[in-house]
């Protein structure tokens, strides 16, 4: 499978990926499954990584990773549901961290929903 993308400096980068599997070679079906997988990665995991730097977390032992993941998902849901601050999710998180009144506004708006 070949992937092509245009980098920010305008150059074109092409990458070839090879897959090993026991299924018959049905290219369209495999491509559909791969696009579906990356759709999930790009919509959920990428958002969590950009907002909370989840990939850089050093939390690895015990129940810590699961517990912090629950709190991150909760915070992400709250920030996505908020309509009081006009910014992206990462921006809302930063604003809520810098301004206690904005944080209260976000939480109170969630309470009235």
PDB file of N, CA and C in Angstrom:
ATOM      1  N   UNK A   1       0.853  -1.164   0.000  1.00  0.00           N
ATOM      2  CA  UNK A   1       0.000   0.000   0.000  1.00  0.00           C
ATOM      3  C   UNK A   1       0.902   1.231   0.000  1.00  0.00           C
ATOM      4  N   UNK A   2       0.628   2.165  -0.883  1.00  0.00           N
ATOM      5  CA  UNK A   2       1.398   3.395  -0.957  1.00  0.00           C
ATOM      6  C   UNK A   2       0.624   4.540  -0.331  1.00  0.00           C
ATOM      7  N   UNK A   3       1.319   5.350   0.473  1.00  0.00           N
ATOM      8  CA  UNK A   3       0.727   6.543   1.072  1.00  0.00           C
ATOM      9  C   UNK A   3       1.524   7.743   0.601  1.00  0.00           C
ATOM     10  N   UNK A   4       0.804   8.783   0.228  1.00  0.00           N
ATOM     11  CA  UNK A   4       1.458  10.015  -0.213  1.00  0.00           C
ATOM     12  C   UNK A   4       0.908  11.172   0.595  1.00  0.00           C
ATOM     13  N   UNK A   5       1.793  12.055   1.042  1.00  0.00           N
ATOM     14  CA  UNK A   5       1.355  13.246   1.764  1.00  0.00           C
ATOM     15  C   UNK A   5       2.253  14.417   1.391  1.00  0.00           C
ATOM     16  N   UNK A   6       1.694  15.611   1.559  1.00  0.00           N
ATOM     17  CA  UNK A   6       2.438  16.832   1.281  1.00  0.00           C
ATOM     18  C   UNK A   6       2.860  17.419   2.621  1.00  0.00           C
ATOM     19  N   UNK A   7       4.153  17.611   2.807  1.00  0.00           N
ATOM     20  CA  UNK A   7       4.680  18.164   4.048  1.00  0.00           C
ATOM     21  C   UNK A   7       4.476  19.673   4.086  1.00  0.00           C
ATOM     22  N   UNK A   8       4.659  20.260   5.262  1.00  0.00           N
ATOM     23  CA  UNK A   8       4.415  21.695   5.432  1.00  0.00           C
ATOM     24  C   UNK A   8       5.331  22.556   4.577  1.00  0.00           C
ATOM     25  N   UNK A   9       6.513  22.040   4.209  1.00  0.00           N
ATOM     26  CA  UNK A   9       7.421  22.822   3.368  1.00  0.00           C
ATOM     27  C   UNK A   9       7.153  22.619   1.875  1.00  0.00           C
ATOM     28  N   UNK A  10       6.086  21.869   1.550  1.00  0.00           N
ATOM     29  CA  UNK A  10       5.682  21.701   0.157  1.00  0.00           C
ATOM     30  C   UNK A  10       6.233  20.455  -0.522  1.00  0.00           C
ATOM     31  N   UNK A  11       7.147  19.741   0.107  1.00  0.00           N
ATOM     32  CA  UNK A  11       7.682  18.534  -0.513  1.00  0.00           C
ATOM     33  C   UNK A  11       6.689  17.387  -0.370  1.00  0.00           C
ATOM     34  N   UNK A  12       6.736  16.472  -1.316  1.00  0.00           N
ATOM     35  CA  UNK A  12       5.844  15.320  -1.326  1.00  0.00           C
ATOM     36  C   UNK A  12       6.598  14.114  -0.800  1.00  0.00           C
ATOM     37  N   UNK A  13       5.985  13.415   0.153  1.00  0.00           N
ATOM     38  CA  UNK A  13       6.600  12.237   0.736  1.00  0.00           C
ATOM     39  C   UNK A  13       5.727  11.029   0.429  1.00  0.00           C
ATOM     40  N   UNK A  14       6.326   9.958  -0.084  1.00  0.00           N
ATOM     41  CA  UNK A  14       5.610   8.725  -0.393  1.00  0.00           C
ATOM     42  C   UNK A  14       6.206   7.599   0.431  1.00  0.00           C
ATOM     43  N   UNK A  15       5.334   6.768   0.982  1.00  0.00           N
ATOM     44  CA  UNK A  15       5.761   5.666   1.831  1.00  0.00           C
ATOM     45  C   UNK A  15       5.028   4.407   1.394  1.00  0.00           C
ATOM     46  N   UNK A  16       5.739   3.310   1.308  1.00  0.00           N
ATOM     47  CA  UNK A  16       5.132   2.032   0.955  1.00  0.00           C
ATOM     48  C   UNK A  16       5.071   1.162   2.204  1.00  0.00           C
ATOM     49  N   UNK A  17       3.890   0.611   2.485  1.00  0.00           N
ATOM     50  CA  UNK A  17       3.698  -0.270   3.634  1.00  0.00           C
ATOM     51  C   UNK A  17       3.373  -1.666   3.132  1.00  0.00           C
ATOM     52  N   UNK A  18       3.959  -2.654   3.781  1.00  0.00           N
ATOM     53  CA  UNK A  18       3.712  -4.040   3.428  1.00  0.00           C
ATOM     54  C   UNK A  18       3.005  -4.725   4.588  1.00  0.00           C
ATOM     55  N   UNK A  19       2.075  -5.612   4.279  1.00  0.00           N
ATOM     56  CA  UNK A  19       1.303  -6.293   5.296  1.00  0.00           C
ATOM     57  C   UNK A  19       1.374  -7.791   5.065  1.00  0.00           C
ATOM     58  N   UNK A  20       1.447  -8.542   6.161  1.00  0.00           N
ATOM     59  CA  UNK A  20       1.453  -9.996   6.094  1.00  0.00           C
ATOM     60  C   UNK A  20       0.187 -10.483   6.788  1.00  0.00           C
ATOM     61  N   UNK A  21      -0.544 -11.363   6.118  1.00  0.00           N
ATOM     62  CA  UNK A  21      -1.770 -11.876   6.712  1.00  0.00           C
ATOM     63  C   UNK A  21      -2.161 -13.188   6.073  1.00  0.00           C
ATOM     64  N   UNK A  22      -3.125 -13.846   6.684  1.00  0.00           N
ATOM     65  CA  UNK A  22      -3.565 -15.146   6.173  1.00  0.00           C
ATOM     66  C   UNK A  22      -4.823 -15.013   5.311  1.00  0.00           C
ATOM     67  N   UNK A  23      -5.376 -13.810   5.216  1.00  0.00           N
ATOM     68  CA  UNK A  23      -6.580 -13.605   4.409  1.00  0.00           C
ATOM     69  C   UNK A  23      -6.229 -13.493   2.932  1.00  0.00           C
ATOM     70  N   UNK A  24      -7.186 -13.804   2.051  1.00  0.00           N
ATOM     71  CA  UNK A  24      -6.919 -13.637   0.624  1.00  0.00           C
ATOM     72  C   UNK A  24      -6.654 -12.161   0.309  1.00  0.00           C
ATOM     73  N   UNK A  25      -5.843 -11.883  -0.692  1.00  0.00           N
ATOM     74  CA  UNK A  25      -5.451 -10.498  -0.993  1.00  0.00           C
ATOM     75  C   UNK A  25      -6.584  -9.706  -1.659  1.00  0.00           C
ATOM     76  N   UNK A  26      -7.443  -9.131  -0.849  1.00  0.00           N
ATOM     77  CA  UNK A  26      -8.525  -8.280  -1.338  1.00  0.00           C
ATOM     78  C   UNK A  26      -8.165  -6.839  -0.972  1.00  0.00           C
ATOM     79  N   UNK A  27      -7.530  -6.162  -1.893  1.00  0.00           N
ATOM     80  CA  UNK A  27      -6.941  -4.858  -1.616  1.00  0.00           C
ATOM     81  C   UNK A  27      -7.969  -3.837  -1.111  1.00  0.00           C
ATOM     82  N   UNK A  28      -9.119  -3.778  -1.736  1.00  0.00           N
ATOM     83  CA  UNK A  28     -10.115  -2.780  -1.326  1.00  0.00           C
ATOM     84  C   UNK A  28     -10.603  -3.029   0.111  1.00  0.00           C
ATOM     85  N   UNK A  29     -10.818  -4.279   0.451  1.00  0.00           N
ATOM     86  CA  UNK A  29     -11.285  -4.588   1.803  1.00  0.00           C
ATOM     87  C   UNK A  29     -10.209  -4.241   2.835  1.00  0.00           C
ATOM     88  N   UNK A  30      -8.965  -4.605   2.539  1.00  0.00           N
ATOM     89  CA  UNK A  30      -7.874  -4.294   3.466  1.00  0.00           C
ATOM     90  C   UNK A  30      -7.695  -2.784   3.604  1.00  0.00           C
ATOM     91  N   UNK A  31      -7.769  -2.076   2.507  1.00  0.00           N
ATOM     92  CA  UNK A  31      -7.631  -0.617   2.554  1.00  0.00           C
ATOM     93  C   UNK A  31      -8.745   0.009   3.376  1.00  0.00           C
ATOM     94  N   UNK A  32      -9.950  -0.530   3.244  1.00  0.00           N
ATOM     95  CA  UNK A  32     -11.081  -0.029   4.020  1.00  0.00           C
ATOM     96  C   UNK A  32     -10.852  -0.235   5.514  1.00  0.00           C
ATOM     97  N   UNK A  33     -10.358  -1.404   5.900  1.00  0.00           N
ATOM     98  CA  UNK A  33     -10.076  -1.683   7.311  1.00  0.00           C
ATOM     99  C   UNK A  33      -8.978  -0.765   7.842  1.00  0.00           C
ATOM    100  N   UNK A  34      -7.955  -0.536   7.041  1.00  0.00           N
ATOM    101  CA  UNK A  34      -6.864   0.350   7.472  1.00  0.00           C
ATOM    102  C   UNK A  34      -7.350   1.781   7.642  1.00  0.00           C
ATOM    103  N   UNK A  35      -8.166   2.272   6.706  1.00  0.00           N
ATOM    104  CA  UNK A  35      -8.698   3.633   6.823  1.00  0.00           C
ATOM    105  C   UNK A  35      -9.580   3.757   8.060  1.00  0.00           C
ATOM    106  N   UNK A  36     -10.363   2.717   8.337  1.00  0.00           N
ATOM    107  CA  UNK A  36     -11.227   2.730   9.520  1.00  0.00           C
ATOM    108  C   UNK A  36     -10.388   2.795  10.797  1.00  0.00           C
ATOM    109  N   UNK A  37      -9.317   2.008  10.832  1.00  0.00           N
ATOM    110  CA  UNK A  37      -8.430   2.025  12.000  1.00  0.00           C
ATOM    111  C   UNK A  37      -7.826   3.417  12.199  1.00  0.00           C
ATOM    112  N   UNK A  38      -7.303   4.012  11.127  1.00  0.00           N
ATOM    113  CA  UNK A  38      -6.652   5.316  11.262  1.00  0.00           C
ATOM    114  C   UNK A  38      -7.661   6.415  11.520  1.00  0.00           C
ATOM    115  N   UNK A  39      -8.909   6.218  11.118  1.00  0.00           N
ATOM    116  CA  UNK A  39      -9.954   7.189  11.438  1.00  0.00           C
ATOM    117  C   UNK A  39     -10.142   7.269  12.946  1.00  0.00           C
ATOM    118  N   UNK A  40     -10.172   6.113  13.597  1.00  0.00           N
ATOM    119  CA  UNK A  40     -10.291   6.079  15.058  1.00  0.00           C
ATOM    120  C   UNK A  40      -9.065   6.712  15.687  1.00  0.00           C
ATOM    121  N   UNK A  41      -7.896   6.362  15.195  1.00  0.00           N
ATOM    122  CA  UNK A  41      -6.656   6.918  15.734  1.00  0.00           C
ATOM    123  C   UNK A  41      -6.644   8.434  15.615  1.00  0.00           C
ATOM    124  N   UNK A  42      -7.035   8.934  14.470  1.00  0.00           N
ATOM    125  CA  UNK A  42      -6.975  10.374  14.244  1.00  0.00           C
ATOM    126  C   UNK A  42      -8.041  11.149  15.007  1.00  0.00           C
ATOM    127  N   UNK A  43      -9.210  10.558  15.222  1.00  0.00           N
ATOM    128  CA  UNK A  43     -10.268  11.309  15.889  1.00  0.00           C
ATOM    129  C   UNK A  43     -10.187  11.229  17.406  1.00  0.00           C
ATOM    130  N   UNK A  44      -9.866  10.084  17.957  1.00  0.00           N
ATOM    131  CA  UNK A  44      -9.862   9.945  19.415  1.00  0.00           C
ATOM    132  C   UNK A  44      -8.465  10.039  20.002  1.00  0.00           C
ATOM    133  N   UNK A  45      -7.591   9.143  19.618  1.00  0.00           N
ATOM    134  CA  UNK A  45      -6.278   9.080  20.239  1.00  0.00           C
ATOM    135  C   UNK A  45      -5.454  10.318  19.951  1.00  0.00           C
ATOM    136  N   UNK A  46      -5.531  10.832  18.742  1.00  0.00           N
ATOM    137  CA  UNK A  46      -4.776  12.045  18.415  1.00  0.00           C
ATOM    138  C   UNK A  46      -5.257  13.215  19.261  1.00  0.00           C
ATOM    139  N   UNK A  47      -6.568  13.335  19.440  1.00  0.00           N
ATOM    140  CA  UNK A  47      -7.124  14.413  20.262  1.00  0.00           C
ATOM    141  C   UNK A  47      -6.630  14.293  21.690  1.00  0.00           C
ATOM    142  N   UNK A  48      -6.641  13.091  22.236  1.00  0.00           N
ATOM    143  CA  UNK A  48      -6.170  12.908  23.612  1.00  0.00           C
ATOM    144  C   UNK A  48      -4.686  13.189  23.725  1.00  0.00           C
ATOM    145  N   UNK A  49      -3.908  12.829  22.714  1.00  0.00           N
ATOM    146  CA  UNK A  49      -2.476  13.085  22.783  1.00  0.00           C
ATOM    147  C   UNK A  49      -2.171  14.579  22.667  1.00  0.00           C
ATOM    148  N   UNK A  50      -2.860  15.264  21.763  1.00  0.00           N
ATOM    149  CA  UNK A  50      -2.623  16.698  21.602  1.00  0.00           C
ATOM    150  C   UNK A  50      -3.093  17.464  22.830  1.00  0.00           C
ATOM    151  N   UNK A  51      -4.235  17.105  23.381  1.00  0.00           N
ATOM    152  CA  UNK A  51      -4.800  17.832  24.517  1.00  0.00           C
ATOM    153  C   UNK A  51      -4.063  17.544  25.812  1.00  0.00           C
ATOM    154  N   UNK A  52      -3.725  16.286  26.060  1.00  0.00           N
ATOM    155  CA  UNK A  52      -3.153  15.891  27.348  1.00  0.00           C
ATOM    156  C   UNK A  52      -1.739  15.324  27.260  1.00  0.00           C
ATOM    157  N   UNK A  53      -1.112  15.357  26.088  1.00  0.00           N
ATOM    158  CA  UNK A  53       0.231  14.788  25.882  1.00  0.00           C
ATOM    159  C   UNK A  53       0.283  13.356  26.422  1.00  0.00           C
ATOM    160  N   UNK A  54      -0.744  12.575  26.083  1.00  0.00           N
ATOM    161  CA  UNK A  54      -0.896  11.231  26.622  1.00  0.00           C
ATOM    162  C   UNK A  54       0.263  10.307  26.246  1.00  0.00           C
ATOM    163  N   UNK A  55       0.805  10.456  25.058  1.00  0.00           N
ATOM    164  CA  UNK A  55       1.916   9.596  24.640  1.00  0.00           C
ATOM    165  C   UNK A  55       3.181   9.849  25.458  1.00  0.00           C
ATOM    166  N   UNK A  56       3.301  11.023  26.054  1.00  0.00           N
ATOM    167  CA  UNK A  56       4.487  11.350  26.858  1.00  0.00           C
ATOM    168  C   UNK A  56       4.321  10.963  28.324  1.00  0.00           C
ATOM    169  N   UNK A  57       3.181  10.427  28.692  1.00  0.00           N
ATOM    170  CA  UNK A  57       2.928  10.061  30.088  1.00  0.00           C
ATOM    171  C   UNK A  57       3.892   8.967  30.526  1.00  0.00           C
ATOM    172  N   UNK A  58       4.438   9.108  31.726  1.00  0.00           N
ATOM    173  CA  UNK A  58       5.363   8.114  32.260  1.00  0.00           C
ATOM    174  C   UNK A  58       4.662   7.190  33.256  1.00  0.00           C
ATOM    175  N   UNK A  59       3.358   7.326  33.364  1.00  0.00           N
ATOM    176  CA  UNK A  59       2.574   6.506  34.279  1.00  0.00           C
ATOM    177  C   UNK A  59       2.447   5.102  33.701  1.00  0.00           C
ATOM    178  N   UNK A  60       3.050   4.104  34.356  1.00  0.00           N
ATOM    179  CA  UNK A  60       3.093   2.765  33.777  1.00  0.00           C
ATOM    180  C   UNK A  60       2.686   1.651  34.740  1.00  0.00           C
ATOM    181  N   UNK A  61       2.711   1.884  36.054  1.00  0.00           N
ATOM    182  CA  UNK A  61       2.551   0.782  37.009  1.00  0.00           C
ATOM    183  C   UNK A  61       1.184   0.779  37.678  1.00  0.00           C
ATOM    184  N   UNK A  62       0.758  -0.408  38.063  1.00  0.00           N
ATOM    185  CA  UNK A  62      -0.472  -0.563  38.822  1.00  0.00           C
ATOM    186  C   UNK A  62      -1.697  -0.112  38.049  1.00  0.00           C
ATOM    187  N   UNK A  63      -2.646   0.466  38.771  1.00  0.00           N
ATOM    188  CA  UNK A  63      -3.895   0.935  38.171  1.00  0.00           C
ATOM    189  C   UNK A  63      -3.801   2.371  37.674  1.00  0.00           C
ATOM    190  N   UNK A  64      -2.666   2.996  37.871  1.00  0.00           N
ATOM    191  CA  UNK A  64      -2.490   4.402  37.498  1.00  0.00           C
ATOM    192  C   UNK A  64      -2.868   4.732  36.062  1.00  0.00           C
ATOM    193  N   UNK A  65      -2.384   3.977  35.069  1.00  0.00           N
ATOM    194  CA  UNK A  65      -2.726   4.310  33.685  1.00  0.00           C
ATOM    195  C   UNK A  65      -4.231   4.265  33.404  1.00  0.00           C
ATOM    196  N   UNK A  66      -4.924   3.271  33.953  1.00  0.00           N
ATOM    197  CA  UNK A  66      -6.366   3.169  33.731  1.00  0.00           C
ATOM    198  C   UNK A  66      -7.113   4.297  34.417  1.00  0.00           C
ATOM    199  N   UNK A  67      -6.704   4.628  35.631  1.00  0.00           N
ATOM    200  CA  UNK A  67      -7.380   5.680  36.388  1.00  0.00           C
ATOM    201  C   UNK A  67      -7.204   7.034  35.711  1.00  0.00           C
ATOM    202  N   UNK A  68      -5.973   7.363  35.326  1.00  0.00           N
ATOM    203  CA  UNK A  68      -5.738   8.665  34.690  1.00  0.00           C
ATOM    204  C   UNK A  68      -6.419   8.729  33.328  1.00  0.00           C
ATOM    205  N   UNK A  69      -6.528   7.589  32.645  1.00  0.00           N
ATOM    206  CA  UNK A  69      -7.218   7.554  31.360  1.00  0.00           C
ATOM    207  C   UNK A  69      -8.698   7.898  31.518  1.00  0.00           C
ATOM    208  N   UNK A  70      -9.315   7.397  32.592  1.00  0.00           N
ATOM    209  CA  UNK A  70     -10.722   7.712  32.858  1.00  0.00           C
ATOM    210  C   UNK A  70     -10.891   9.214  33.083  1.00  0.00           C
ATOM    211  N   UNK A  71     -10.009   9.804  33.879  1.00  0.00           N
ATOM    212  CA  UNK A  71     -10.100  11.242  34.136  1.00  0.00           C
ATOM    213  C   UNK A  71      -9.842  12.063  32.878  1.00  0.00           C
ATOM    214  N   UNK A  72      -8.917  11.613  32.037  1.00  0.00           N
ATOM    215  CA  UNK A  72      -8.652  12.333  30.774  1.00  0.00           C
ATOM    216  C   UNK A  72      -9.870  12.269  29.853  1.00  0.00           C
ATOM    217  N   UNK A  73     -10.499  11.083  29.763  1.00  0.00           N
ATOM    218  CA  UNK A  73     -11.697  10.961  28.923  1.00  0.00           C
ATOM    219  C   UNK A  73     -12.836  11.812  29.456  1.00  0.00           C
ATOM    220  N   UNK A  74     -12.983  11.859  30.783  1.00  0.00           N
ATOM    221  CA  UNK A  74     -14.008  12.698  31.399  1.00  0.00           C
ATOM    222  C   UNK A  74     -13.749  14.175  31.079  1.00  0.00           C
ATOM    223  N   UNK A  75     -12.511  14.601  31.264  1.00  0.00           N
ATOM    224  CA  UNK A  75     -12.167  15.994  30.970  1.00  0.00           C
ATOM    225  C   UNK A  75     -12.384  16.310  29.491  1.00  0.00           C
ATOM    226  N   UNK A  76     -12.023  15.384  28.620  1.00  0.00           N
ATOM    227  CA  UNK A  76     -12.216  15.589  27.186  1.00  0.00           C
ATOM    228  C   UNK A  76     -13.694  15.715  26.851  1.00  0.00           C
ATOM    229  N   UNK A  77     -14.528  14.889  27.462  1.00  0.00           N
ATOM    230  CA  UNK A  77     -15.982  14.975  27.235  1.00  0.00           C
ATOM    231  C   UNK A  77     -16.530  16.315  27.702  1.00  0.00           C
ATOM    232  N   UNK A  78     -16.072  16.773  28.853  1.00  0.00           N
ATOM    233  CA  UNK A  78     -16.530  18.054  29.379  1.00  0.00           C
ATOM    234  C   UNK A  78     -16.110  19.193  28.455  1.00  0.00           C
ATOM    235  N   UNK A  79     -14.854  19.165  28.017  1.00  0.00           N
ATOM    236  CA  UNK A  79     -14.352  20.235  27.150  1.00  0.00           C
ATOM    237  C   UNK A  79     -15.045  20.229  25.785  1.00  0.00           C
ATOM    238  N   UNK A  80     -15.339  19.052  25.251  1.00  0.00           N
ATOM    239  CA  UNK A  80     -16.035  18.978  23.963  1.00  0.00           C
ATOM    240  C   UNK A  80     -17.474  19.464  24.075  1.00  0.00           C
ATOM    241  N   UNK A  81     -18.099  19.214  25.211  1.00  0.00           N
ATOM    242  CA  UNK A  81     -19.491  19.618  25.404  1.00  0.00           C
ATOM    243  C   UNK A  81     -19.626  21.112  25.688  1.00  0.00           C
ATOM    244  N   UNK A  82     -18.555  21.755  26.120  1.00  0.00           N
ATOM    245  CA  UNK A  82     -18.606  23.163  26.499  1.00  0.00           C
ATOM    246  C   UNK A  82     -18.843  24.068  25.294  1.00  0.00           C
ATOM    247  N   UNK A  83     -19.726  25.050  25.479  1.00  0.00           N
ATOM    248  CA  UNK A  83     -19.972  26.057  24.439  1.00  0.00           C
ATOM    249  C   UNK A  83     -19.693  27.464  24.943  1.00  0.00           C
ATOM    250  N   UNK A  84     -19.220  27.596  26.185  1.00  0.00           N
ATOM    251  CA  UNK A  84     -18.977  28.933  26.745  1.00  0.00           C
ATOM    252  C   UNK A  84     -17.670  29.536  26.268  1.00  0.00           C
ATOM    253  N   UNK A  85     -16.680  28.706  25.966  1.00  0.00           N
ATOM    254  CA  UNK A  85     -15.380  29.182  25.499  1.00  0.00           C
ATOM    255  C   UNK A  85     -15.252  28.821  24.029  1.00  0.00           C
ATOM    256  N   UNK A  86     -14.949  29.796  23.196  1.00  0.00           N
ATOM    257  CA  UNK A  86     -14.815  29.575  21.758  1.00  0.00           C
ATOM    258  C   UNK A  86     -13.354  29.296  21.415  1.00  0.00           C
ATOM    259  N   UNK A  87     -12.975  28.040  21.512  1.00  0.00           N
ATOM    260  CA  UNK A  87     -11.609  27.622  21.196  1.00  0.00           C
ATOM    261  C   UNK A  87     -11.639  26.118  20.953  1.00  0.00           C
ATOM    262  N   UNK A  88     -10.518  25.560  20.499  1.00  0.00           N
ATOM    263  CA  UNK A  88     -10.461  24.107  20.345  1.00  0.00           C
ATOM    264  C   UNK A  88     -10.281  23.472  21.715  1.00  0.00           C
ATOM    265  N   UNK A  89     -10.297  22.163  21.784  1.00  0.00           N
ATOM    266  CA  UNK A  89     -10.275  21.450  23.060  1.00  0.00           C
ATOM    267  C   UNK A  89      -8.993  21.762  23.826  1.00  0.00           C
ATOM    268  N   UNK A  90      -7.871  21.760  23.138  1.00  0.00           N
ATOM    269  CA  UNK A  90      -6.597  22.063  23.800  1.00  0.00           C
ATOM    270  C   UNK A  90      -6.605  23.487  24.347  1.00  0.00           C
ATOM    271  N   UNK A  91      -7.113  24.420  23.566  1.00  0.00           N
ATOM    272  CA  UNK A  91      -7.195  25.804  24.009  1.00  0.00           C
ATOM    273  C   UNK A  91      -8.110  25.968  25.208  1.00  0.00           C
ATOM    274  N   UNK A  92      -9.238  25.265  25.193  1.00  0.00           N
ATOM    275  CA  UNK A  92     -10.159  25.324  26.337  1.00  0.00           C
ATOM    276  C   UNK A  92      -9.479  24.810  27.598  1.00  0.00           C
ATOM    277  N   UNK A  93      -8.715  23.729  27.459  1.00  0.00           N
ATOM    278  CA  UNK A  93      -8.020  23.167  28.616  1.00  0.00           C
ATOM    279  C   UNK A  93      -7.013  24.166  29.167  1.00  0.00           C
ATOM    280  N   UNK A  94      -6.260  24.791  28.301  1.00  0.00           N
ATOM    281  CA  UNK A  94      -5.272  25.769  28.748  1.00  0.00           C
ATOM    282  C   UNK A  94      -5.952  26.969  29.406  1.00  0.00           C
ATOM    283  N   UNK A  95      -7.016  27.462  28.785  1.00  0.00           N
ATOM    284  CA  UNK A  95      -7.739  28.610  29.349  1.00  0.00           C
ATOM    285  C   UNK A  95      -8.306  28.261  30.724  1.00  0.00           C
ATOM    286  N   UNK A  96      -8.884  27.066  30.853  1.00  0.00           N
ATOM    287  CA  UNK A  96      -9.441  26.642  32.146  1.00  0.00           C
ATOM    288  C   UNK A  96      -8.351  26.520  33.201  1.00  0.00           C
ATOM    289  N   UNK A  97      -7.155  26.130  32.790  1.00  0.00           N
ATOM    290  CA  UNK A  97      -6.041  26.027  33.733  1.00  0.00           C
ATOM    291  C   UNK A  97      -5.501  27.381  34.154  1.00  0.00           C
ATOM    292  N   UNK A  98      -5.606  28.373  33.279  1.00  0.00           N
ATOM    293  CA  UNK A  98      -5.072  29.704  33.585  1.00  0.00           C
ATOM    294  C   UNK A  98      -6.071  30.590  34.321  1.00  0.00           C
ATOM    295  N   UNK A  99      -7.363  30.349  34.104  1.00  0.00           N
ATOM    296  CA  UNK A  99      -8.375  31.270  34.615  1.00  0.00           C
ATOM    297  C   UNK A  99      -9.437  30.475  35.380  1.00  0.00           C
ATOM    298  N   UNK A 100      -9.459  30.657  36.689  1.00  0.00           N
ATOM    299  CA  UNK A 100     -10.389  29.906  37.531  1.00  0.00           C
ATOM    300  C   UNK A 100     -11.845  30.235  37.208  1.00  0.00           C
ATOM    301  N   UNK A 101     -12.128  31.487  36.827  1.00  0.00           N
ATOM    302  CA  UNK A 101     -13.502  31.854  36.468  1.00  0.00           C
ATOM    303  C   UNK A 101     -13.955  31.122  35.202  1.00  0.00           C
ATOM    304  N   UNK A 102     -13.059  30.969  34.232  1.00  0.00           N
ATOM    305  CA  UNK A 102     -13.406  30.223  33.008  1.00  0.00           C
ATOM    306  C   UNK A 102     -13.654  28.751  33.334  1.00  0.00           C
ATOM    307  N   UNK A 103     -12.831  28.195  34.223  1.00  0.00           N
ATOM    308  CA  UNK A 103     -13.020  26.800  34.647  1.00  0.00           C
ATOM    309  C   UNK A 103     -14.385  26.633  35.299  1.00  0.00           C
ATOM    310  N   UNK A 104     -14.734  27.548  36.181  1.00  0.00           N
ATOM    311  CA  UNK A 104     -16.046  27.486  36.824  1.00  0.00           C
ATOM    312  C   UNK A 104     -17.162  27.602  35.795  1.00  0.00           C
ATOM    313  N   UNK A 105     -16.983  28.468  34.814  1.00  0.00           N
ATOM    314  CA  UNK A 105     -17.993  28.642  33.761  1.00  0.00           C
ATOM    315  C   UNK A 105     -18.184  27.360  32.959  1.00  0.00           C
ATOM    316  N   UNK A 106     -17.083  26.696  32.628  1.00  0.00           N
ATOM    317  CA  UNK A 106     -17.158  25.436  31.868  1.00  0.00           C
ATOM    318  C   UNK A 106     -17.899  24.374  32.687  1.00  0.00           C
ATOM    319  N   UNK A 107     -17.545  24.260  33.957  1.00  0.00           N
ATOM    320  CA  UNK A 107     -18.187  23.241  34.801  1.00  0.00           C
ATOM    321  C   UNK A 107     -19.641  23.559  35.097  1.00  0.00           C
ATOM    322  N   UNK A 108     -19.953  24.830  35.300  1.00  0.00           N
ATOM    323  CA  UNK A 108     -21.350  25.219  35.567  1.00  0.00           C
ATOM    324  C   UNK A 108     -22.222  25.042  34.313  1.00  0.00           C
ATOM    325  N   UNK A 109     -21.655  25.316  33.143  1.00  0.00           N
ATOM    326  CA  UNK A 109     -22.404  25.122  31.895  1.00  0.00           C
ATOM    327  C   UNK A 109     -22.728  23.646  31.709  1.00  0.00           C
ATOM    328  N   UNK A 110     -21.805  22.778  32.096  1.00  0.00           N
ATOM    329  CA  UNK A 110     -22.034  21.340  31.992  1.00  0.00           C
ATOM    330  C   UNK A 110     -23.146  20.915  32.946  1.00  0.00           C
ATOM    331  N   UNK A 111     -23.210  21.543  34.105  1.00  0.00           N
ATOM    332  CA  UNK A 111     -24.205  21.203  35.109  1.00  0.00           C
ATOM    333  C   UNK A 111     -25.630  21.522  34.646  1.00  0.00           C
ATOM    334  N   UNK A 112     -25.779  22.556  33.826  1.00  0.00           N
ATOM    335  CA  UNK A 112     -27.111  22.957  33.370  1.00  0.00           C
ATOM    336  C   UNK A 112     -27.606  22.164  32.182  1.00  0.00           C
ATOM    337  N   UNK A 113     -26.730  21.385  31.565  1.00  0.00           N
ATOM    338  CA  UNK A 113     -27.124  20.621  30.374  1.00  0.00           C
ATOM    339  C   UNK A 113     -27.988  19.459  30.729  1.00  0.00           C
TER     340      UNK A 113
END
